[in-house]
Amino acid sequence: MTETEYKIYIDDVIRRVESARLKVNAHHIVKIVAISKYSTSDEIKNLYNIGQRAFGENKVQDLKTKSSELEELPLEWHFVGNLQKNKINNLLDLNPTLFHSLDSLELAKEIQKKCEAKNTTLDALLQINSAYEDTKHGVSPEDAKEIYNTIKKECPAINLKGVMCIGAKSEDKELVRKSFEITHNIYKELEDATICSMGMSSDFELAIECGSNMVRLGSIMFNFQLS
């Protein structure tokens, strides 16, 4: 695929995002974070060359490697993976734009301690398990608002920007929709929350229609690469 063909392909993805957001309203803005966890630095650079700026990794070491290899580019790095406590310092050293997967009050308190020791802060989203699936991380929808407000109060080094969820893993579109609606309803109740991160390659249009203003697109952004 040539760079022109690749740009046409990505433009089509962007058109799908635009079409979905316009169903919400003309003023609804959606940010695309390209999830590059299975991609090389060269593939990230290809996408950068046609306009993408925000990229996400789910392993701290991969984030370190790729951000180092591409440090000459003005990229915005997001961390979207499950964060182990022994990796907190490593993540803080990388200073990501946004940590998407803060999945418990316990983890928040550990991050607070590490931030205090380093005299730094971390922008984050609270992950909600709105699909009620054992395989997914996140706080329960019933506890989400209370935990969110507790983190805001007790962990001042964490700048909570909003919430994140992974849609239900189901062929039933209404089940997926419900998981997004649950998260968005919580988001609307949170004071000062500005980010509702929902939707991946397989369900981003539905997520946007349910109110998402940030989508995490992996395979759909990288499957067609320059030859």
C-alpha atoms as a PDB file:
ATOM      1  CA  MET A   1       0.000   0.000   0.000  1.00  0.00           C
ATOM      2  CA  THR A   2       1.356   3.432  -0.907  1.00  0.00           C
ATOM      3  CA  GLU A   3       1.271   6.372   1.486  1.00  0.00           C
ATOM      4  CA  THR A   4      -1.560   7.907  -0.555  1.00  0.00           C
ATOM      5  CA  GLU A   5      -3.601   4.702  -0.346  1.00  0.00           C
ATOM      6  CA  TYR A   6      -2.905   4.443   3.375  1.00  0.00           C
ATOM      7  CA  LYS A   7      -4.052   8.029   3.925  1.00  0.00           C
ATOM      8  CA  ILE A   8      -7.270   7.336   1.995  1.00  0.00           C
ATOM      9  CA  TYR A   9      -7.864   4.288   4.204  1.00  0.00           C
ATOM     10  CA  ILE A  10      -7.265   6.230   7.444  1.00  0.00           C
ATOM     11  CA  ASP A  11      -9.402   9.105   6.168  1.00  0.00           C
ATOM     12  CA  ASP A  12     -12.231   6.592   5.824  1.00  0.00           C
ATOM     13  CA  VAL A  13     -11.805   5.571   9.473  1.00  0.00           C
ATOM     14  CA  ILE A  14     -11.909   9.257  10.433  1.00  0.00           C
ATOM     15  CA  ARG A  15     -15.072   9.720   8.353  1.00  0.00           C
ATOM     16  CA  ARG A  16     -16.707   6.902  10.318  1.00  0.00           C
ATOM     17  CA  VAL A  17     -15.775   8.662  13.564  1.00  0.00           C
ATOM     18  CA  GLU A  18     -17.158  11.940  12.182  1.00  0.00           C
ATOM     19  CA  SER A  19     -20.397  10.316  11.101  1.00  0.00           C
ATOM     20  CA  ALA A  20     -20.911   8.762  14.533  1.00  0.00           C
ATOM     21  CA  ARG A  21     -20.156  11.991  16.414  1.00  0.00           C
ATOM     22  CA  LEU A  22     -22.564  13.980  14.257  1.00  0.00           C
ATOM     23  CA  LYS A  23     -25.319  11.618  15.391  1.00  0.00           C
ATOM     24  CA  VAL A  24     -24.679  12.995  18.886  1.00  0.00           C
ATOM     25  CA  ASN A  25     -24.403  16.633  17.822  1.00  0.00           C
ATOM     26  CA  ALA A  26     -22.265  18.904  15.675  1.00  0.00           C
ATOM     27  CA  HIS A  27     -20.339  20.152  18.696  1.00  0.00           C
ATOM     28  CA  HIS A  28     -19.385  16.710  20.014  1.00  0.00           C
ATOM     29  CA  ILE A  29     -15.612  16.265  19.623  1.00  0.00           C
ATOM     30  CA  VAL A  30     -13.976  12.817  19.565  1.00  0.00           C
ATOM     31  CA  LYS A  31     -10.268  12.162  19.989  1.00  0.00           C
ATOM     32  CA  ILE A  32      -8.611   9.114  18.412  1.00  0.00           C
ATOM     33  CA  VAL A  33      -5.855   7.356  20.334  1.00  0.00           C
ATOM     34  CA  ALA A  34      -4.094   4.873  18.050  1.00  0.00           C
ATOM     35  CA  ILE A  35      -3.256   1.776  20.075  1.00  0.00           C
ATOM     36  CA  SER A  36       0.152   0.741  18.820  1.00  0.00           C
ATOM     37  CA  LYS A  37       0.888  -2.236  21.089  1.00  0.00           C
ATOM     38  CA  TYR A  38       1.312  -4.678  18.193  1.00  0.00           C
ATOM     39  CA  SER A  39       3.016  -2.167  15.909  1.00  0.00           C
ATOM     40  CA  THR A  40       6.589  -1.129  15.275  1.00  0.00           C
ATOM     41  CA  SER A  41       8.078   2.332  15.605  1.00  0.00           C
ATOM     42  CA  ASP A  42       8.213   2.562  11.806  1.00  0.00           C
ATOM     43  CA  GLU A  43       4.494   1.805  11.595  1.00  0.00           C
ATOM     44  CA  ILE A  44       3.783   4.485  14.184  1.00  0.00           C
ATOM     45  CA  LYS A  45       5.868   6.909  12.142  1.00  0.00           C
ATOM     46  CA  ASN A  46       3.829   6.076   9.023  1.00  0.00           C
ATOM     47  CA  LEU A  47       0.649   7.006  10.857  1.00  0.00           C
ATOM     48  CA  TYR A  48       2.270  10.139  12.276  1.00  0.00           C
ATOM     49  CA  ASN A  49       3.170  11.200   8.726  1.00  0.00           C
ATOM     50  CA  ILE A  50      -0.497  11.343   7.783  1.00  0.00           C
ATOM     51  CA  GLY A  51      -1.583  13.258  10.841  1.00  0.00           C
ATOM     52  CA  GLN A  52      -2.051  10.980  13.870  1.00  0.00           C
ATOM     53  CA  ARG A  53      -0.481  12.299  17.083  1.00  0.00           C
ATOM     54  CA  ALA A  54      -1.857  10.318  20.046  1.00  0.00           C
ATOM     55  CA  PHE A  55      -0.665   6.743  20.565  1.00  0.00           C
ATOM     56  CA  GLY A  56      -1.282   4.190  23.314  1.00  0.00           C
ATOM     57  CA  GLU A  57       0.687   1.262  24.717  1.00  0.00           C
ATOM     58  CA  ASN A  58      -0.352  -1.380  27.228  1.00  0.00           C
ATOM     59  CA  LYS A  59       3.091  -2.392  28.552  1.00  0.00           C
ATOM     60  CA  VAL A  60       5.361   0.031  30.366  1.00  0.00           C
ATOM     61  CA  GLN A  61       8.507  -1.374  28.746  1.00  0.00           C
ATOM     62  CA  ASP A  62       7.026  -1.045  25.254  1.00  0.00           C
ATOM     63  CA  LEU A  63       6.012   2.535  26.018  1.00  0.00           C
ATOM     64  CA  LYS A  64       9.550   3.275  27.160  1.00  0.00           C
ATOM     65  CA  THR A  65      11.133   1.692  24.074  1.00  0.00           C
ATOM     66  CA  LYS A  66       8.874   3.285  21.470  1.00  0.00           C
ATOM     67  CA  SER A  67       8.756   6.725  23.058  1.00  0.00           C
ATOM     68  CA  SER A  68      12.548   6.668  23.164  1.00  0.00           C
ATOM     69  CA  GLU A  69      12.889   5.530  19.551  1.00  0.00           C
ATOM     70  CA  LEU A  70      10.460   8.238  18.424  1.00  0.00           C
ATOM     71  CA  GLU A  71      11.472  11.008  20.798  1.00  0.00           C
ATOM     72  CA  GLU A  72      12.186  13.387  17.910  1.00  0.00           C
ATOM     73  CA  LEU A  73       8.465  13.373  17.004  1.00  0.00           C
ATOM     74  CA  PRO A  74       5.901  15.474  18.944  1.00  0.00           C
ATOM     75  CA  LEU A  75       3.805  12.471  19.965  1.00  0.00           C
ATOM     76  CA  GLU A  76       1.274  12.191  22.766  1.00  0.00           C
ATOM     77  CA  TRP A  77       1.705   8.890  24.643  1.00  0.00           C
ATOM     78  CA  HIS A  78      -1.124   7.178  26.521  1.00  0.00           C
ATOM     79  CA  PHE A  79      -0.854   4.129  28.771  1.00  0.00           C
ATOM     80  CA  VAL A  80      -3.870   1.847  28.427  1.00  0.00           C
ATOM     81  CA  GLY A  81      -2.739  -1.384  30.095  1.00  0.00           C
ATOM     82  CA  ASN A  82      -3.178  -2.968  33.504  1.00  0.00           C
ATOM     83  CA  LEU A  83      -0.560  -1.327  35.755  1.00  0.00           C
ATOM     84  CA  GLN A  84       1.289  -3.535  38.231  1.00  0.00           C
ATOM     85  CA  LYS A  85       2.364  -1.807  41.430  1.00  0.00           C
ATOM     86  CA  ASN A  86       6.034  -2.582  40.812  1.00  0.00           C
ATOM     87  CA  LYS A  87       5.827  -0.685  37.504  1.00  0.00           C
ATOM     88  CA  ILE A  88       4.346   2.550  38.889  1.00  0.00           C
ATOM     89  CA  ASN A  89       7.694   4.327  39.219  1.00  0.00           C
ATOM     90  CA  ASN A  90       8.673   3.290  35.711  1.00  0.00           C
ATOM     91  CA  LEU A  91       5.441   4.709  34.307  1.00  0.00           C
ATOM     92  CA  LEU A  92       5.804   7.962  36.225  1.00  0.00           C
ATOM     93  CA  ASP A  93       9.320   8.373  34.837  1.00  0.00           C
ATOM     94  CA  LEU A  94       7.850   8.240  31.321  1.00  0.00           C
ATOM     95  CA  ASN A  95       5.328  10.994  32.127  1.00  0.00           C
ATOM     96  CA  PRO A  96       2.490   9.762  29.882  1.00  0.00           C
ATOM     97  CA  THR A  97      -0.146  12.198  28.687  1.00  0.00           C
ATOM     98  CA  LEU A  98      -2.875  10.019  30.184  1.00  0.00           C
ATOM     99  CA  PHE A  99      -3.180   6.772  32.163  1.00  0.00           C
ATOM    100  CA  HIS A 100      -6.453   5.194  31.048  1.00  0.00           C
ATOM    101  CA  SER A 101      -6.752   2.192  33.347  1.00  0.00           C
ATOM    102  CA  LEU A 102      -6.796   3.226  36.985  1.00  0.00           C
ATOM    103  CA  ASP A 103      -8.842   0.260  38.138  1.00  0.00           C
ATOM    104  CA  SER A 104      -9.013   0.442  41.955  1.00  0.00           C
ATOM    105  CA  LEU A 105      -8.749   2.725  44.960  1.00  0.00           C
ATOM    106  CA  GLU A 106      -5.889   0.546  46.210  1.00  0.00           C
ATOM    107  CA  LEU A 107      -3.864   1.242  43.043  1.00  0.00           C
ATOM    108  CA  ALA A 108      -4.674   4.943  43.309  1.00  0.00           C
ATOM    109  CA  LYS A 109      -3.254   5.080  46.830  1.00  0.00           C
ATOM    110  CA  GLU A 110      -0.047   3.372  45.683  1.00  0.00           C
ATOM    111  CA  ILE A 111       0.300   5.817  42.808  1.00  0.00           C
ATOM    112  CA  GLN A 112      -0.269   8.706  45.225  1.00  0.00           C
ATOM    113  CA  LYS A 113       2.626   7.508  47.418  1.00  0.00           C
ATOM    114  CA  LYS A 114       4.968   7.175  44.436  1.00  0.00           C
ATOM    115  CA  CYS A 115       3.950  10.576  43.074  1.00  0.00           C
ATOM    116  CA  GLU A 116       4.611  12.206  46.441  1.00  0.00           C
ATOM    117  CA  ALA A 117       8.061  10.619  46.591  1.00  0.00           C
ATOM    118  CA  LYS A 118       8.872  11.891  43.100  1.00  0.00           C
ATOM    119  CA  ASN A 119       7.094  15.226  43.519  1.00  0.00           C
ATOM    120  CA  THR A 120       5.080  14.598  40.369  1.00  0.00           C
ATOM    121  CA  THR A 121       1.493  14.116  39.212  1.00  0.00           C
ATOM    122  CA  LEU A 122      -0.358  11.759  36.866  1.00  0.00           C
ATOM    123  CA  ASP A 123      -3.401  12.442  34.699  1.00  0.00           C
ATOM    124  CA  ALA A 124      -5.703   9.415  34.759  1.00  0.00           C
ATOM    125  CA  LEU A 125      -9.089   7.919  34.001  1.00  0.00           C
ATOM    126  CA  LEU A 126     -11.004   5.637  36.346  1.00  0.00           C
ATOM    127  CA  GLN A 127     -11.702   2.301  34.651  1.00  0.00           C
ATOM    128  CA  ILE A 128     -15.223   0.987  35.142  1.00  0.00           C
ATOM    129  CA  ASN A 129     -16.195  -2.638  34.575  1.00  0.00           C
ATOM    130  CA  SER A 130     -19.577  -1.698  33.168  1.00  0.00           C
ATOM    131  CA  ALA A 131     -19.818  -5.003  31.283  1.00  0.00           C
ATOM    132  CA  TYR A 132     -19.721  -6.912  34.596  1.00  0.00           C
ATOM    133  CA  GLU A 133     -17.222  -9.379  33.109  1.00  0.00           C
ATOM    134  CA  ASP A 134     -14.739 -11.279  35.285  1.00  0.00           C
ATOM    135  CA  THR A 135     -12.076 -10.994  32.588  1.00  0.00           C
ATOM    136  CA  LYS A 136     -12.162  -7.182  32.702  1.00  0.00           C
ATOM    137  CA  HIS A 137     -10.489  -4.875  35.197  1.00  0.00           C
ATOM    138  CA  GLY A 138     -12.196  -1.885  36.755  1.00  0.00           C
ATOM    139  CA  VAL A 139     -14.411  -0.760  39.586  1.00  0.00           C
ATOM    140  CA  SER A 140     -18.058  -1.739  39.668  1.00  0.00           C
ATOM    141  CA  PRO A 141     -20.536   0.797  38.294  1.00  0.00           C
ATOM    142  CA  GLU A 142     -22.259   0.880  41.687  1.00  0.00           C
ATOM    143  CA  ASP A 143     -19.045   1.998  43.413  1.00  0.00           C
ATOM    144  CA  ALA A 144     -17.582   4.121  40.630  1.00  0.00           C
ATOM    145  CA  LYS A 145     -18.843   7.559  41.672  1.00  0.00           C
ATOM    146  CA  GLU A 146     -17.830   7.094  45.310  1.00  0.00           C
ATOM    147  CA  ILE A 147     -14.376   5.766  44.398  1.00  0.00           C
ATOM    148  CA  TYR A 148     -13.860   8.553  41.872  1.00  0.00           C
ATOM    149  CA  ASN A 149     -14.658  11.216  44.455  1.00  0.00           C
ATOM    150  CA  THR A 150     -12.524   9.484  47.095  1.00  0.00           C
ATOM    151  CA  ILE A 151      -9.525   9.492  44.749  1.00  0.00           C
ATOM    152  CA  LYS A 152     -10.114  13.174  43.992  1.00  0.00           C
ATOM    153  CA  LYS A 153     -10.134  13.890  47.723  1.00  0.00           C
ATOM    154  CA  GLU A 154      -7.425  11.548  49.040  1.00  0.00           C
ATOM    155  CA  CYS A 155      -5.010  11.343  46.083  1.00  0.00           C
ATOM    156  CA  PRO A 156      -4.307  14.928  45.014  1.00  0.00           C
ATOM    157  CA  ALA A 157      -1.318  13.899  42.877  1.00  0.00           C
ATOM    158  CA  ILE A 158      -3.706  12.041  40.565  1.00  0.00           C
ATOM    159  CA  ASN A 159      -5.537  14.376  38.197  1.00  0.00           C
ATOM    160  CA  LEU A 160      -8.679  12.441  37.396  1.00  0.00           C
ATOM    161  CA  LYS A 161      -9.954  13.538  33.996  1.00  0.00           C
ATOM    162  CA  GLY A 162     -12.897  11.165  33.617  1.00  0.00           C
ATOM    163  CA  VAL A 163     -13.662   7.512  33.045  1.00  0.00           C
ATOM    164  CA  MET A 164     -12.878   4.605  30.747  1.00  0.00           C
ATOM    165  CA  CYS A 165     -14.505   1.272  29.963  1.00  0.00           C
ATOM    166  CA  ILE A 166     -14.161  -1.657  27.591  1.00  0.00           C
ATOM    167  CA  GLY A 167     -17.441  -2.577  25.941  1.00  0.00           C
ATOM    168  CA  ALA A 168     -19.120  -5.900  26.629  1.00  0.00           C
ATOM    169  CA  LYS A 169     -17.642  -8.787  24.694  1.00  0.00           C
ATOM    170  CA  SER A 170     -20.788  -9.908  22.947  1.00  0.00           C
ATOM    171  CA  GLU A 171     -22.402 -10.265  19.552  1.00  0.00           C
ATOM    172  CA  ASP A 172     -25.500  -8.721  21.120  1.00  0.00           C
ATOM    173  CA  LYS A 173     -25.289  -5.062  20.174  1.00  0.00           C
ATOM    174  CA  GLU A 174     -27.726  -4.066  22.906  1.00  0.00           C
ATOM    175  CA  LEU A 175     -25.510  -5.601  25.592  1.00  0.00           C
ATOM    176  CA  VAL A 176     -22.560  -3.637  24.259  1.00  0.00           C
ATOM    177  CA  ARG A 177     -24.659  -0.480  24.101  1.00  0.00           C
ATOM    178  CA  LYS A 178     -25.795  -0.974  27.698  1.00  0.00           C
ATOM    179  CA  SER A 179     -22.197  -1.215  28.947  1.00  0.00           C
ATOM    180  CA  PHE A 180     -21.392   2.076  27.216  1.00  0.00           C
ATOM    181  CA  GLU A 181     -24.534   3.784  28.464  1.00  0.00           C
ATOM    182  CA  ILE A 182     -23.806   2.742  32.048  1.00  0.00           C
ATOM    183  CA  THR A 183     -20.347   4.301  31.850  1.00  0.00           C
ATOM    184  CA  HIS A 184     -21.541   7.480  30.160  1.00  0.00           C
ATOM    185  CA  ASN A 185     -24.300   7.965  32.726  1.00  0.00           C
ATOM    186  CA  ILE A 186     -21.698   7.791  35.503  1.00  0.00           C
ATOM    187  CA  TYR A 187     -19.459  10.188  33.579  1.00  0.00           C
ATOM    188  CA  LYS A 188     -22.264  12.763  33.398  1.00  0.00           C
ATOM    189  CA  GLU A 189     -22.608  12.699  37.193  1.00  0.00           C
ATOM    190  CA  LEU A 190     -18.932  13.418  37.882  1.00  0.00           C
ATOM    191  CA  GLU A 191     -17.936  16.976  38.659  1.00  0.00           C
ATOM    192  CA  ASP A 192     -15.240  18.367  36.341  1.00  0.00           C
ATOM    193  CA  ALA A 193     -14.891  15.125  34.326  1.00  0.00           C
ATOM    194  CA  THR A 194     -14.009  15.896  30.699  1.00  0.00           C
ATOM    195  CA  ILE A 195     -13.046  12.526  29.181  1.00  0.00           C
ATOM    196  CA  CYS A 196     -15.258   9.500  28.564  1.00  0.00           C
ATOM    197  CA  SER A 197     -12.975   6.963  26.872  1.00  0.00           C
ATOM    198  CA  MET A 198     -15.052   4.190  25.284  1.00  0.00           C
ATOM    199  CA  GLY A 199     -14.824   2.237  22.071  1.00  0.00           C
ATOM    200  CA  MET A 200     -12.257   0.179  20.187  1.00  0.00           C
ATOM    201  CA  SER A 201     -11.899  -0.975  16.587  1.00  0.00           C
ATOM    202  CA  SER A 202     -14.932  -3.265  16.700  1.00  0.00           C
ATOM    203  CA  ASP A 203     -17.409  -0.987  18.472  1.00  0.00           C
ATOM    204  CA  PHE A 204     -16.205   2.629  18.327  1.00  0.00           C
ATOM    205  CA  GLU A 205     -19.173   3.952  16.339  1.00  0.00           C
ATOM    206  CA  LEU A 206     -21.642   2.614  18.878  1.00  0.00           C
ATOM    207  CA  ALA A 207     -19.482   3.969  21.728  1.00  0.00           C
ATOM    208  CA  ILE A 208     -19.465   7.448  20.184  1.00  0.00           C
ATOM    209  CA  GLU A 209     -23.228   7.362  19.706  1.00  0.00           C
ATOM    210  CA  CYS A 210     -23.452   6.562  23.441  1.00  0.00           C
ATOM    211  CA  GLY A 211     -21.386   9.639  24.313  1.00  0.00           C
ATOM    212  CA  SER A 212     -17.731   8.624  24.079  1.00  0.00           C
ATOM    213  CA  ASN A 213     -15.350  11.491  23.336  1.00  0.00           C
ATOM    214  CA  MET A 214     -12.179   9.386  23.145  1.00  0.00           C
ATOM    215  CA  VAL A 215     -11.771   6.125  21.208  1.00  0.00           C
ATOM    216  CA  ARG A 216      -8.875   3.665  21.396  1.00  0.00           C
ATOM    217  CA  LEU A 217      -8.337   2.252  17.913  1.00  0.00           C
ATOM    218  CA  GLY A 218      -5.735  -0.456  17.347  1.00  0.00           C
ATOM    219  CA  SER A 219      -6.123  -2.978  14.532  1.00  0.00           C
ATOM    220  CA  ILE A 220      -8.235  -0.709  12.355  1.00  0.00           C
ATOM    221  CA  MET A 221      -5.447   1.894  12.323  1.00  0.00           C
ATOM    222  CA  PHE A 222      -2.550  -0.453  11.720  1.00  0.00           C
ATOM    223  CA  ASN A 223      -3.806  -3.447   9.737  1.00  0.00           C
ATOM    224  CA  PHE A 224      -3.124  -1.740   6.410  1.00  0.00           C
ATOM    225  CA  GLN A 225       0.472  -0.611   6.392  1.00  0.00           C
ATOM    226  CA  LEU A 226       2.828   0.688   3.760  1.00  0.00           C
ATOM    227  CA  SER A 227       4.650  -2.019   1.852  1.00  0.00           C
END
